[in-house]
Amino acid sequence: MDINEEMKNPKYRKAYSETKLFNKILKFAKTAGTKAVYLVLLLFYTLQQATTPKWAKSVIVGALGYFILPLDFIPDFIPIAGFSDDITALLSVLVAVALYVNEDTKAKARARMKVWFGSYDETKLDEIDRKIDDESV
């Protein structure tokens, strides 16, 4: 199912939009860290794929919506701990949909990371990629 079709559901529209997602990333990128941003981008680009099944898209939209919300289980404004619940949710969903994260998705996410962060420690992202590869086998 197409993402536009999925977004006709009012509960998804309320919690998630590309604009809200990118605004949140840009506002909190340094605080959340490169790993969190990479997780978000992997899920975002997996969501865009026509081959990602409807159930996976629904779960991804839920996780991205949770990331966007400023007041969640641990509010994002709390130093250090504020993004721990977001990262846990994002990682859990990424493990669930790992089969649909392909090399093109990873390349798009890494390219966006270069645009936003310039240089950064890419070995932190390699750890996430290994986890995805282990889960999708």
N, C-alpha and C. Protein backbone atom coordinates (compact mmCIF):
# COMPACT_ATOMS: atom_id res chain seq x y z
N MET A 1 0.84 -1.18 0.00
CA MET A 1 0.00 0.00 0.00
C MET A 1 0.88 1.24 0.00
N ASP A 2 0.48 2.23 -0.71
CA ASP A 2 1.17 3.51 -0.84
C ASP A 2 1.08 4.29 0.47
N ILE A 3 2.13 5.03 0.82
CA ILE A 3 2.16 5.80 2.06
C ILE A 3 1.04 6.84 2.09
N ASN A 4 0.72 7.41 0.94
CA ASN A 4 -0.36 8.40 0.90
C ASN A 4 -1.70 7.77 1.26
N GLU A 5 -1.91 6.55 0.86
CA GLU A 5 -3.12 5.82 1.22
C GLU A 5 -3.15 5.57 2.73
N GLU A 6 -2.02 5.16 3.26
CA GLU A 6 -1.89 4.91 4.69
C GLU A 6 -2.18 6.17 5.50
N MET A 7 -1.74 7.30 5.00
CA MET A 7 -1.88 8.55 5.75
C MET A 7 -3.29 9.13 5.70
N LYS A 8 -4.20 8.49 5.01
CA LYS A 8 -5.61 8.93 5.03
C LYS A 8 -6.23 8.66 6.40
N ASN A 9 -5.65 7.75 7.15
CA ASN A 9 -6.14 7.43 8.48
C ASN A 9 -5.85 8.62 9.41
N PRO A 10 -6.88 9.22 10.03
CA PRO A 10 -6.68 10.42 10.85
C PRO A 10 -5.73 10.24 12.03
N LYS A 11 -5.68 9.04 12.61
CA LYS A 11 -4.79 8.86 13.76
C LYS A 11 -3.33 8.95 13.34
N TYR A 12 -3.01 8.53 12.11
CA TYR A 12 -1.64 8.64 11.62
C TYR A 12 -1.33 10.08 11.24
N ARG A 13 -2.27 10.74 10.59
CA ARG A 13 -2.05 12.13 10.16
C ARG A 13 -1.78 13.04 11.34
N LYS A 14 -2.45 12.78 12.45
CA LYS A 14 -2.29 13.62 13.64
C LYS A 14 -0.89 13.50 14.23
N ALA A 15 -0.35 12.30 14.25
CA ALA A 15 0.95 12.06 14.90
C ALA A 15 2.14 12.19 13.97
N TYR A 16 1.94 12.00 12.68
CA TYR A 16 3.09 11.92 11.77
C TYR A 16 2.90 12.76 10.53
N SER A 17 3.93 13.47 10.17
CA SER A 17 4.04 14.10 8.85
C SER A 17 5.53 14.26 8.57
N GLU A 18 5.91 14.28 7.30
CA GLU A 18 7.32 14.46 6.95
C GLU A 18 7.84 15.77 7.51
N THR A 19 7.05 16.82 7.43
CA THR A 19 7.47 18.13 7.92
C THR A 19 7.76 18.07 9.42
N LYS A 20 6.84 17.49 10.19
CA LYS A 20 7.05 17.37 11.64
C LYS A 20 8.29 16.53 11.94
N LEU A 21 8.47 15.46 11.18
CA LEU A 21 9.60 14.57 11.40
C LEU A 21 10.91 15.30 11.16
N PHE A 22 11.06 15.96 10.02
CA PHE A 22 12.31 16.64 9.69
C PHE A 22 12.56 17.83 10.61
N ASN A 23 11.51 18.54 11.01
CA ASN A 23 11.68 19.64 11.96
C ASN A 23 12.22 19.12 13.29
N LYS A 24 11.68 18.01 13.75
CA LYS A 24 12.13 17.41 15.01
C LYS A 24 13.59 16.97 14.90
N ILE A 25 13.94 16.32 13.80
CA ILE A 25 15.32 15.86 13.61
C ILE A 25 16.27 17.05 13.64
N LEU A 26 15.97 18.08 12.88
CA LEU A 26 16.86 19.22 12.79
C LEU A 26 16.97 19.96 14.13
N LYS A 27 15.89 20.01 14.87
CA LYS A 27 15.89 20.71 16.16
C LYS A 27 16.71 19.95 17.21
N PHE A 28 16.61 18.63 17.21
CA PHE A 28 17.23 17.83 18.26
C PHE A 28 18.36 16.92 17.79
N ALA A 29 18.87 17.14 16.59
CA ALA A 29 19.88 16.23 16.03
C ALA A 29 21.10 16.07 16.93
N LYS A 30 21.60 17.16 17.43
CA LYS A 30 22.81 17.08 18.28
C LYS A 30 22.50 16.37 19.60
N THR A 31 21.34 16.66 20.18
CA THR A 31 20.96 16.04 21.45
C THR A 31 20.67 14.55 21.27
N ALA A 32 19.91 14.22 20.26
CA ALA A 32 19.52 12.82 20.03
C ALA A 32 20.71 12.00 19.57
N GLY A 33 21.61 12.59 18.81
CA GLY A 33 22.81 11.90 18.34
C GLY A 33 22.63 11.25 16.99
N THR A 34 23.75 10.91 16.39
CA THR A 34 23.74 10.36 15.03
C THR A 34 23.04 9.02 14.95
N LYS A 35 23.16 8.18 15.99
CA LYS A 35 22.49 6.88 15.95
C LYS A 35 20.98 7.04 15.87
N ALA A 36 20.44 7.91 16.69
CA ALA A 36 18.98 8.12 16.69
C ALA A 36 18.51 8.67 15.35
N VAL A 37 19.25 9.62 14.82
CA VAL A 37 18.86 10.21 13.53
C VAL A 37 18.95 9.15 12.43
N TYR A 38 19.98 8.33 12.45
CA TYR A 38 20.12 7.27 11.46
C TYR A 38 18.96 6.28 11.56
N LEU A 39 18.57 5.91 12.78
CA LEU A 39 17.42 5.02 12.96
C LEU A 39 16.16 5.63 12.34
N VAL A 40 15.94 6.90 12.60
CA VAL A 40 14.78 7.59 12.05
C VAL A 40 14.82 7.58 10.53
N LEU A 41 15.98 7.88 9.97
CA LEU A 41 16.09 7.93 8.51
C LEU A 41 15.91 6.54 7.88
N LEU A 42 16.45 5.52 8.50
CA LEU A 42 16.25 4.16 7.97
C LEU A 42 14.76 3.82 7.94
N LEU A 43 14.07 4.14 9.00
CA LEU A 43 12.63 3.87 9.03
C LEU A 43 11.89 4.74 8.03
N PHE A 44 12.27 6.00 7.92
CA PHE A 44 11.63 6.90 6.97
C PHE A 44 11.76 6.38 5.53
N TYR A 45 12.97 6.00 5.14
CA TYR A 45 13.17 5.52 3.77
C TYR A 45 12.55 4.14 3.54
N THR A 46 12.48 3.31 4.57
CA THR A 46 11.79 2.02 4.45
C THR A 46 10.30 2.26 4.26
N LEU A 47 9.77 3.25 4.94
CA LEU A 47 8.36 3.64 4.80
C LEU A 47 8.03 4.05 3.37
N GLN A 48 8.97 4.69 2.69
CA GLN A 48 8.75 5.20 1.33
C GLN A 48 8.72 4.10 0.27
N GLN A 49 9.27 2.94 0.59
CA GLN A 49 9.37 1.86 -0.40
C GLN A 49 8.01 1.24 -0.71
N ALA A 50 7.75 1.03 -1.97
CA ALA A 50 6.50 0.39 -2.39
C ALA A 50 6.45 -1.07 -1.93
N THR A 51 7.60 -1.69 -1.74
CA THR A 51 7.65 -3.11 -1.37
C THR A 51 7.47 -3.36 0.12
N THR A 52 7.46 -2.31 0.92
CA THR A 52 7.24 -2.48 2.36
C THR A 52 5.76 -2.75 2.59
N PRO A 53 5.44 -3.85 3.28
CA PRO A 53 4.02 -4.20 3.48
C PRO A 53 3.29 -3.21 4.40
N LYS A 54 1.99 -3.23 4.29
CA LYS A 54 1.13 -2.30 5.03
C LYS A 54 1.37 -2.39 6.53
N TRP A 55 1.45 -3.60 7.08
CA TRP A 55 1.64 -3.74 8.53
C TRP A 55 2.93 -3.05 8.97
N ALA A 56 4.00 -3.21 8.17
CA ALA A 56 5.29 -2.61 8.52
C ALA A 56 5.21 -1.09 8.44
N LYS A 57 4.52 -0.58 7.42
CA LYS A 57 4.36 0.87 7.29
C LYS A 57 3.59 1.43 8.48
N SER A 58 2.58 0.73 8.92
CA SER A 58 1.80 1.18 10.08
C SER A 58 2.66 1.26 11.33
N VAL A 59 3.48 0.25 11.55
CA VAL A 59 4.36 0.21 12.72
C VAL A 59 5.40 1.33 12.62
N ILE A 60 5.94 1.53 11.43
CA ILE A 60 6.93 2.60 11.24
C ILE A 60 6.33 3.97 11.51
N VAL A 61 5.14 4.22 10.98
CA VAL A 61 4.48 5.51 11.21
C VAL A 61 4.24 5.71 12.71
N GLY A 62 3.86 4.66 13.40
CA GLY A 62 3.68 4.77 14.85
C GLY A 62 4.96 5.15 15.57
N ALA A 63 6.06 4.51 15.20
CA ALA A 63 7.36 4.80 15.85
C ALA A 63 7.83 6.21 15.52
N LEU A 64 7.66 6.62 14.26
CA LEU A 64 8.08 7.97 13.88
C LEU A 64 7.19 9.02 14.54
N GLY A 65 5.92 8.72 14.66
CA GLY A 65 5.01 9.62 15.37
C GLY A 65 5.40 9.76 16.83
N TYR A 66 5.79 8.66 17.47
CA TYR A 66 6.24 8.67 18.86
C TYR A 66 7.49 9.53 18.99
N PHE A 67 8.41 9.41 18.03
CA PHE A 67 9.63 10.21 18.03
C PHE A 67 9.30 11.70 17.94
N ILE A 68 8.32 12.05 17.14
CA ILE A 68 7.95 13.44 16.94
C ILE A 68 7.34 14.05 18.20
N LEU A 69 6.53 13.28 18.91
CA LEU A 69 5.84 13.81 20.09
C LEU A 69 6.83 14.32 21.13
N PRO A 70 6.68 15.57 21.58
CA PRO A 70 7.63 16.11 22.56
C PRO A 70 7.42 15.56 23.96
N LEU A 71 6.19 15.23 24.30
CA LEU A 71 5.89 14.70 25.64
C LEU A 71 5.47 13.25 25.51
N ASP A 72 6.43 12.37 25.66
CA ASP A 72 6.14 10.95 25.61
C ASP A 72 6.52 10.34 26.95
N PHE A 73 6.82 9.07 27.00
CA PHE A 73 7.10 8.39 28.26
C PHE A 73 8.18 9.11 29.07
N ILE A 74 9.30 9.44 28.41
CA ILE A 74 10.34 10.27 29.02
C ILE A 74 10.45 11.51 28.14
N PRO A 75 9.98 12.67 28.61
CA PRO A 75 9.97 13.88 27.78
C PRO A 75 11.35 14.20 27.20
N ASP A 76 11.38 14.61 25.93
CA ASP A 76 12.62 14.81 25.20
C ASP A 76 13.49 15.93 25.77
N PHE A 77 12.90 16.85 26.51
CA PHE A 77 13.69 17.96 27.03
C PHE A 77 14.54 17.57 28.24
N ILE A 78 14.37 16.37 28.78
CA ILE A 78 15.19 15.91 29.90
C ILE A 78 16.56 15.50 29.36
N PRO A 79 17.61 16.14 29.85
CA PRO A 79 18.95 15.85 29.32
C PRO A 79 19.30 14.36 29.41
N ILE A 80 19.96 13.88 28.40
CA ILE A 80 20.47 12.51 28.25
C ILE A 80 19.35 11.47 28.18
N ALA A 81 18.52 11.37 29.19
CA ALA A 81 17.48 10.34 29.25
C ALA A 81 16.32 10.62 28.30
N GLY A 82 16.14 11.86 27.88
CA GLY A 82 14.97 12.27 27.11
C GLY A 82 14.73 11.49 25.82
N PHE A 83 15.77 11.02 25.20
CA PHE A 83 15.60 10.28 23.94
C PHE A 83 15.75 8.78 24.11
N SER A 84 15.98 8.31 25.30
CA SER A 84 16.20 6.87 25.49
C SER A 84 14.96 6.06 25.14
N ASP A 85 13.77 6.55 25.49
CA ASP A 85 12.56 5.81 25.14
C ASP A 85 12.30 5.87 23.64
N ASP A 86 12.63 7.01 23.02
CA ASP A 86 12.46 7.13 21.57
C ASP A 86 13.38 6.14 20.84
N ILE A 87 14.63 6.08 21.28
CA ILE A 87 15.60 5.19 20.64
C ILE A 87 15.19 3.73 20.82
N THR A 88 14.68 3.39 22.00
CA THR A 88 14.21 2.02 22.24
C THR A 88 13.06 1.67 21.30
N ALA A 89 12.11 2.59 21.15
CA ALA A 89 10.98 2.36 20.25
C ALA A 89 11.45 2.23 18.80
N LEU A 90 12.35 3.12 18.39
CA LEU A 90 12.85 3.09 17.01
C LEU A 90 13.61 1.79 16.74
N LEU A 91 14.46 1.39 17.67
CA LEU A 91 15.22 0.14 17.50
C LEU A 91 14.31 -1.08 17.44
N SER A 92 13.32 -1.09 18.29
CA SER A 92 12.38 -2.22 18.31
C SER A 92 11.66 -2.36 16.97
N VAL A 93 11.22 -1.24 16.45
CA VAL A 93 10.52 -1.27 15.15
C VAL A 93 11.49 -1.64 14.04
N LEU A 94 12.71 -1.11 14.10
CA LEU A 94 13.69 -1.44 13.07
C LEU A 94 13.97 -2.94 13.04
N VAL A 95 14.07 -3.56 14.21
CA VAL A 95 14.27 -5.01 14.28
C VAL A 95 13.07 -5.73 13.65
N ALA A 96 11.87 -5.23 13.91
CA ALA A 96 10.65 -5.87 13.39
C ALA A 96 10.56 -5.78 11.87
N VAL A 97 11.08 -4.70 11.30
CA VAL A 97 10.95 -4.50 9.84
C VAL A 97 12.29 -4.66 9.12
N ALA A 98 13.28 -5.23 9.79
CA ALA A 98 14.64 -5.34 9.24
C ALA A 98 14.67 -5.99 7.86
N LEU A 99 13.78 -6.92 7.63
CA LEU A 99 13.73 -7.63 6.35
C LEU A 99 13.50 -6.67 5.17
N TYR A 100 12.89 -5.53 5.43
CA TYR A 100 12.54 -4.58 4.37
C TYR A 100 13.52 -3.42 4.25
N VAL A 101 14.54 -3.40 5.10
CA VAL A 101 15.59 -2.38 5.01
C VAL A 101 16.67 -2.91 4.07
N ASN A 102 16.80 -2.27 2.92
CA ASN A 102 17.77 -2.77 1.93
C ASN A 102 18.96 -1.81 1.80
N GLU A 103 19.89 -2.16 0.95
CA GLU A 103 21.11 -1.35 0.79
C GLU A 103 20.79 0.05 0.25
N ASP A 104 19.80 0.17 -0.61
CA ASP A 104 19.40 1.48 -1.12
C ASP A 104 18.89 2.37 0.01
N THR A 105 18.11 1.79 0.90
CA THR A 105 17.59 2.52 2.07
C THR A 105 18.75 3.02 2.93
N LYS A 106 19.71 2.13 3.19
CA LYS A 106 20.88 2.52 4.00
C LYS A 106 21.67 3.63 3.31
N ALA A 107 21.84 3.52 1.99
CA ALA A 107 22.60 4.53 1.25
C ALA A 107 21.90 5.89 1.30
N LYS A 108 20.58 5.90 1.15
CA LYS A 108 19.84 7.16 1.24
C LYS A 108 19.97 7.78 2.62
N ALA A 109 19.86 6.95 3.65
CA ALA A 109 19.96 7.45 5.03
C ALA A 109 21.36 8.02 5.28
N ARG A 110 22.38 7.32 4.84
CA ARG A 110 23.76 7.80 5.04
C ARG A 110 24.02 9.08 4.24
N ALA A 111 23.46 9.17 3.05
CA ALA A 111 23.63 10.39 2.25
C ALA A 111 22.99 11.59 2.96
N ARG A 112 21.81 11.39 3.53
CA ARG A 112 21.14 12.47 4.26
C ARG A 112 21.95 12.84 5.50
N MET A 113 22.55 11.84 6.16
CA MET A 113 23.39 12.10 7.33
C MET A 113 24.56 13.01 6.95
N LYS A 114 25.17 12.75 5.79
CA LYS A 114 26.29 13.59 5.31
C LYS A 114 25.85 15.03 5.13
N VAL A 115 24.65 15.21 4.56
CA VAL A 115 24.12 16.56 4.33
C VAL A 115 23.91 17.26 5.67
N TRP A 116 23.32 16.59 6.62
CA TRP A 116 22.98 17.22 7.89
C TRP A 116 24.15 17.34 8.85
N PHE A 117 25.03 16.34 8.91
CA PHE A 117 26.10 16.33 9.90
C PHE A 117 27.48 16.61 9.34
N GLY A 118 27.64 16.53 8.01
CA GLY A 118 28.99 16.65 7.46
C GLY A 118 29.77 15.42 7.84
N SER A 119 30.86 15.62 8.58
CA SER A 119 31.64 14.46 9.02
C SER A 119 31.17 14.02 10.41
N TYR A 120 31.16 12.72 10.63
CA TYR A 120 30.75 12.12 11.88
C TYR A 120 31.34 10.73 11.94
N ASP A 121 31.26 10.09 13.07
CA ASP A 121 31.82 8.76 13.26
C ASP A 121 30.88 7.71 12.64
N GLU A 122 31.19 7.29 11.42
CA GLU A 122 30.34 6.34 10.71
C GLU A 122 30.36 4.94 11.33
N THR A 123 31.33 4.64 12.15
CA THR A 123 31.36 3.31 12.78
C THR A 123 30.17 3.11 13.70
N LYS A 124 29.61 4.19 14.25
CA LYS A 124 28.41 4.08 15.09
C LYS A 124 27.23 3.57 14.26
N LEU A 125 27.20 3.94 12.99
CA LEU A 125 26.11 3.50 12.11
C LEU A 125 26.33 2.06 11.64
N ASP A 126 27.59 1.67 11.50
CA ASP A 126 27.90 0.30 11.10
C ASP A 126 27.32 -0.71 12.10
N GLU A 127 27.34 -0.35 13.37
CA GLU A 127 26.78 -1.20 14.42
C GLU A 127 25.28 -1.45 14.18
N ILE A 128 24.57 -0.41 13.80
CA ILE A 128 23.14 -0.53 13.50
C ILE A 128 22.93 -1.40 12.26
N ASP A 129 23.74 -1.16 11.22
CA ASP A 129 23.63 -1.96 9.99
C ASP A 129 23.86 -3.44 10.27
N ARG A 130 24.83 -3.75 11.12
CA ARG A 130 25.09 -5.17 11.46
C ARG A 130 23.87 -5.78 12.15
N LYS A 131 23.24 -5.02 13.04
CA LYS A 131 22.05 -5.51 13.74
C LYS A 131 20.93 -5.79 12.74
N ILE A 132 20.75 -4.90 11.77
CA ILE A 132 19.72 -5.08 10.74
C ILE A 132 20.03 -6.35 9.93
N ASP A 133 21.28 -6.50 9.53
CA ASP A 133 21.68 -7.66 8.73
C ASP A 133 21.47 -8.96 9.51
N ASP A 134 21.77 -8.93 10.80
CA ASP A 134 21.57 -10.13 11.64
C ASP A 134 20.09 -10.49 11.75
N GLU A 135 19.24 -9.48 11.86
CA GLU A 135 17.80 -9.71 12.02
C GLU A 135 17.13 -10.16 10.73
N SER A 136 17.66 -9.73 9.60
CA SER A 136 16.98 -10.04 8.33
C SER A 136 17.44 -11.37 7.73
N VAL A 137 18.35 -12.06 8.41
CA VAL A 137 18.84 -13.37 7.92
C VAL A 137 17.89 -14.45 8.37
